Amino acid sequence: MSSQTNRGRVESGSQALENAGDCPFAASMRTQILLTALLWTVVGAILLAVGLRWTWTLGSDVMIALLPLALAVGYLKSRMVLGKVARRAVARLALRGEGRSVFGVLALRSWLLIGLMMGMGRVLRSGVLPIPVVGLLYSGIGFALLTGSRQLWNSWRGIGVAGGVS
């Protein structure tokens, strides 16, 4: 199967987000992986920082004692789920090829999932759960994103050193 056929099949869900021809926001595959790694890292760091603050300052001794468990669950999620997601993201970017729009760095389905998660976070913060419990959830999710982003960073470094996707 030609790379053009592969590329067309992979980007079918995100074609509305980009025009492959002369897009002013085109970037190399390495840059696209860098942007994805930065997104995971920044969002993970923010969620972890907010979650730790809410748990530490507003939580009881029990909540603070549960914090290591939340971080352990986050780490397991990064190892069992997010590592695979990161590898698929890198493979998708490799199929898209060089010089593609940065707005297609994530598939449309991924952007929709991000929007759904943001909405769920808003609902949780509105009082469905006590803020220290939300803090535990944010801490675990943030830690999962931070530790899961290592696969993206490794791929980004691998492309810079070896010229291929690691």
Protein backbone atom coordinates (compact mmCIF):
# COMPACT_ATOMS: atom_id res chain seq x y z
CA MET A 1 0.00 0.00 0.00
CA SER A 2 1.48 3.37 -0.94
CA SER A 3 2.26 6.02 1.65
CA GLN A 4 -0.29 8.31 -0.03
CA THR A 5 -2.99 5.68 0.50
CA ASN A 6 -1.89 5.20 4.13
CA ARG A 7 -1.82 8.93 4.70
CA GLY A 8 -5.31 9.39 3.30
CA ARG A 9 -6.70 6.63 5.47
CA VAL A 10 -5.09 7.92 8.67
CA GLU A 11 -6.11 11.56 8.31
CA SER A 12 -9.69 10.99 7.21
CA GLY A 13 -10.96 11.98 10.67
CA SER A 14 -8.94 15.18 10.87
CA GLN A 15 -9.02 16.46 7.29
CA ALA A 16 -11.30 19.31 8.33
CA LEU A 17 -8.52 20.56 10.61
CA GLU A 18 -5.87 20.85 7.95
CA ASN A 19 -5.13 21.52 4.32
CA ALA A 20 -2.02 19.49 3.49
CA GLY A 21 -0.95 21.61 0.52
CA ASP A 22 0.40 25.04 1.39
CA CYS A 23 -0.56 25.29 5.01
CA PRO A 24 1.22 28.11 6.88
CA PHE A 25 1.15 25.95 10.03
CA ALA A 26 2.99 23.00 8.51
CA ALA A 27 5.69 21.37 10.63
CA SER A 28 8.08 18.47 10.48
CA MET A 29 7.16 15.17 12.05
CA ARG A 30 9.74 15.82 14.77
CA THR A 31 8.08 19.14 15.61
CA GLN A 32 4.67 17.50 15.67
CA ILE A 33 5.92 14.87 18.14
CA LEU A 34 7.49 17.67 20.21
CA LEU A 35 4.15 19.51 20.32
CA THR A 36 2.33 16.34 21.39
CA ALA A 37 4.93 15.65 24.11
CA LEU A 38 4.68 19.25 25.33
CA LEU A 39 0.88 19.05 25.41
CA TRP A 40 0.93 15.88 27.54
CA THR A 41 3.67 17.27 29.80
CA VAL A 42 2.14 20.71 30.39
CA VAL A 43 -1.39 19.39 30.96
CA GLY A 44 -0.03 16.63 33.23
CA ALA A 45 2.04 19.11 35.25
CA ILE A 46 -0.90 21.48 35.67
CA LEU A 47 -3.29 18.71 36.72
CA LEU A 48 -0.73 17.27 39.14
CA ALA A 49 0.06 20.68 40.68
CA VAL A 50 -3.60 21.62 41.10
CA GLY A 51 -4.48 18.16 42.40
CA LEU A 52 -1.66 18.17 44.95
CA ARG A 53 -2.62 21.65 46.13
CA TRP A 54 -6.29 20.76 46.56
CA THR A 55 -5.52 17.50 48.30
CA TRP A 56 -2.78 18.92 50.53
CA THR A 57 -4.42 22.18 51.57
CA LEU A 58 -8.09 21.19 51.69
CA GLY A 59 -7.92 17.48 52.42
CA SER A 60 -8.05 15.61 55.65
CA ASP A 61 -5.29 13.34 56.89
CA VAL A 62 -7.09 10.45 55.18
CA MET A 63 -7.03 12.25 51.82
CA ILE A 64 -3.36 13.06 52.19
CA ALA A 65 -2.68 9.42 53.11
CA LEU A 66 -4.49 8.34 49.89
CA LEU A 67 -2.28 10.53 47.73
CA PRO A 68 0.45 7.89 47.19
CA LEU A 69 -2.26 5.46 46.08
CA ALA A 70 -3.61 8.00 43.55
CA LEU A 71 -0.08 8.50 42.19
CA ALA A 72 0.50 4.73 41.99
CA VAL A 73 -2.76 4.27 40.06
CA GLY A 74 -1.68 7.10 37.74
CA TYR A 75 1.67 5.43 37.17
CA LEU A 76 -0.02 2.11 36.39
CA LYS A 77 -2.34 3.87 33.95
CA SER A 78 0.64 5.42 32.20
CA ARG A 79 2.36 2.03 31.91
CA MET A 80 -0.70 0.01 30.87
CA VAL A 81 -2.69 2.51 28.79
CA LEU A 82 -0.95 5.77 27.95
CA GLY A 83 2.25 4.17 26.69
CA LYS A 84 0.22 2.41 23.99
CA VAL A 85 -1.68 5.61 23.21
CA ALA A 86 1.62 7.50 22.82
CA ARG A 87 3.06 4.82 20.50
CA ARG A 88 -0.10 4.97 18.35
CA ALA A 89 0.15 8.77 18.24
CA VAL A 90 3.76 8.60 17.03
CA ALA A 91 2.85 5.96 14.44
CA ARG A 92 -0.02 8.16 13.23
CA LEU A 93 2.29 11.15 12.92
CA ALA A 94 4.80 9.03 11.01
CA LEU A 95 2.07 7.99 8.56
CA ARG A 96 1.02 11.62 8.10
CA GLY A 97 4.56 12.43 7.10
CA GLU A 98 6.57 15.61 6.97
CA GLY A 99 5.24 19.11 6.47
CA ARG A 100 1.71 18.51 7.75
CA SER A 101 -0.40 21.00 9.68
CA VAL A 102 0.16 21.20 13.43
CA PHE A 103 -3.61 21.38 13.89
CA GLY A 104 -3.82 17.73 12.90
CA VAL A 105 -1.19 16.68 15.45
CA LEU A 106 -3.95 14.80 17.27
CA ALA A 107 -6.76 12.96 15.55
CA LEU A 108 -10.20 14.54 15.64
CA ARG A 109 -11.30 11.72 17.95
CA SER A 110 -8.53 12.67 20.40
CA TRP A 111 -9.55 16.34 20.38
CA LEU A 112 -13.15 15.30 21.06
CA LEU A 113 -11.99 13.10 23.95
CA ILE A 114 -9.99 16.02 25.37
CA GLY A 115 -13.09 18.21 25.20
CA LEU A 116 -15.13 15.53 26.95
CA MET A 117 -12.52 15.20 29.71
CA MET A 118 -12.44 18.99 30.17
CA GLY A 119 -16.22 18.99 30.49
CA MET A 120 -16.10 16.16 33.01
CA GLY A 121 -13.51 18.09 35.01
CA ARG A 122 -15.79 21.11 35.03
CA VAL A 123 -18.69 18.98 36.31
CA LEU A 124 -16.51 17.44 39.03
CA ARG A 125 -15.34 20.88 40.19
CA SER A 126 -18.93 22.13 40.37
CA GLY A 127 -19.55 20.21 43.57
CA VAL A 128 -20.34 16.65 42.47
CA LEU A 129 -17.37 15.51 44.57
CA PRO A 130 -15.51 17.26 47.39
CA ILE A 131 -12.54 19.24 46.06
CA PRO A 132 -9.95 17.07 47.93
CA VAL A 133 -11.35 13.99 46.14
CA VAL A 134 -11.16 15.84 42.81
CA GLY A 135 -7.61 16.71 43.82
CA LEU A 136 -6.77 13.03 44.19
CA LEU A 137 -8.24 12.33 40.74
CA TYR A 138 -6.35 15.25 39.18
CA SER A 139 -3.13 14.14 40.87
CA GLY A 140 -3.44 10.62 39.50
CA ILE A 141 -4.37 11.76 35.99
CA GLY A 142 -1.65 14.41 35.94
CA PHE A 143 0.98 11.93 37.09
CA ALA A 144 -0.21 9.45 34.44
CA LEU A 145 0.15 12.07 31.69
CA LEU A 146 3.59 13.13 32.92
CA THR A 147 4.96 9.62 33.12
CA GLY A 148 3.16 8.56 29.93
CA SER A 149 4.71 11.44 28.00
CA ARG A 150 8.13 9.81 28.30
CA GLN A 151 7.28 7.62 25.29
CA LEU A 152 6.67 10.76 23.23
CA TRP A 153 9.86 12.41 24.48
CA ASN A 154 11.85 9.26 23.69
CA SER A 155 10.42 9.20 20.17
CA TRP A 156 11.19 12.88 19.70
CA ARG A 157 14.79 12.35 20.85
CA GLY A 158 15.09 9.23 18.67
CA ILE A 159 14.10 11.14 15.57
CA GLY A 160 16.58 13.87 16.34
CA VAL A 161 19.45 11.44 16.86
CA ALA A 162 18.75 8.53 14.53
CA GLY A 163 16.48 10.15 11.99
CA GLY A 164 13.74 7.56 12.53
CA VAL A 165 10.85 6.87 14.84
CA SER A 166 11.94 5.01 17.96
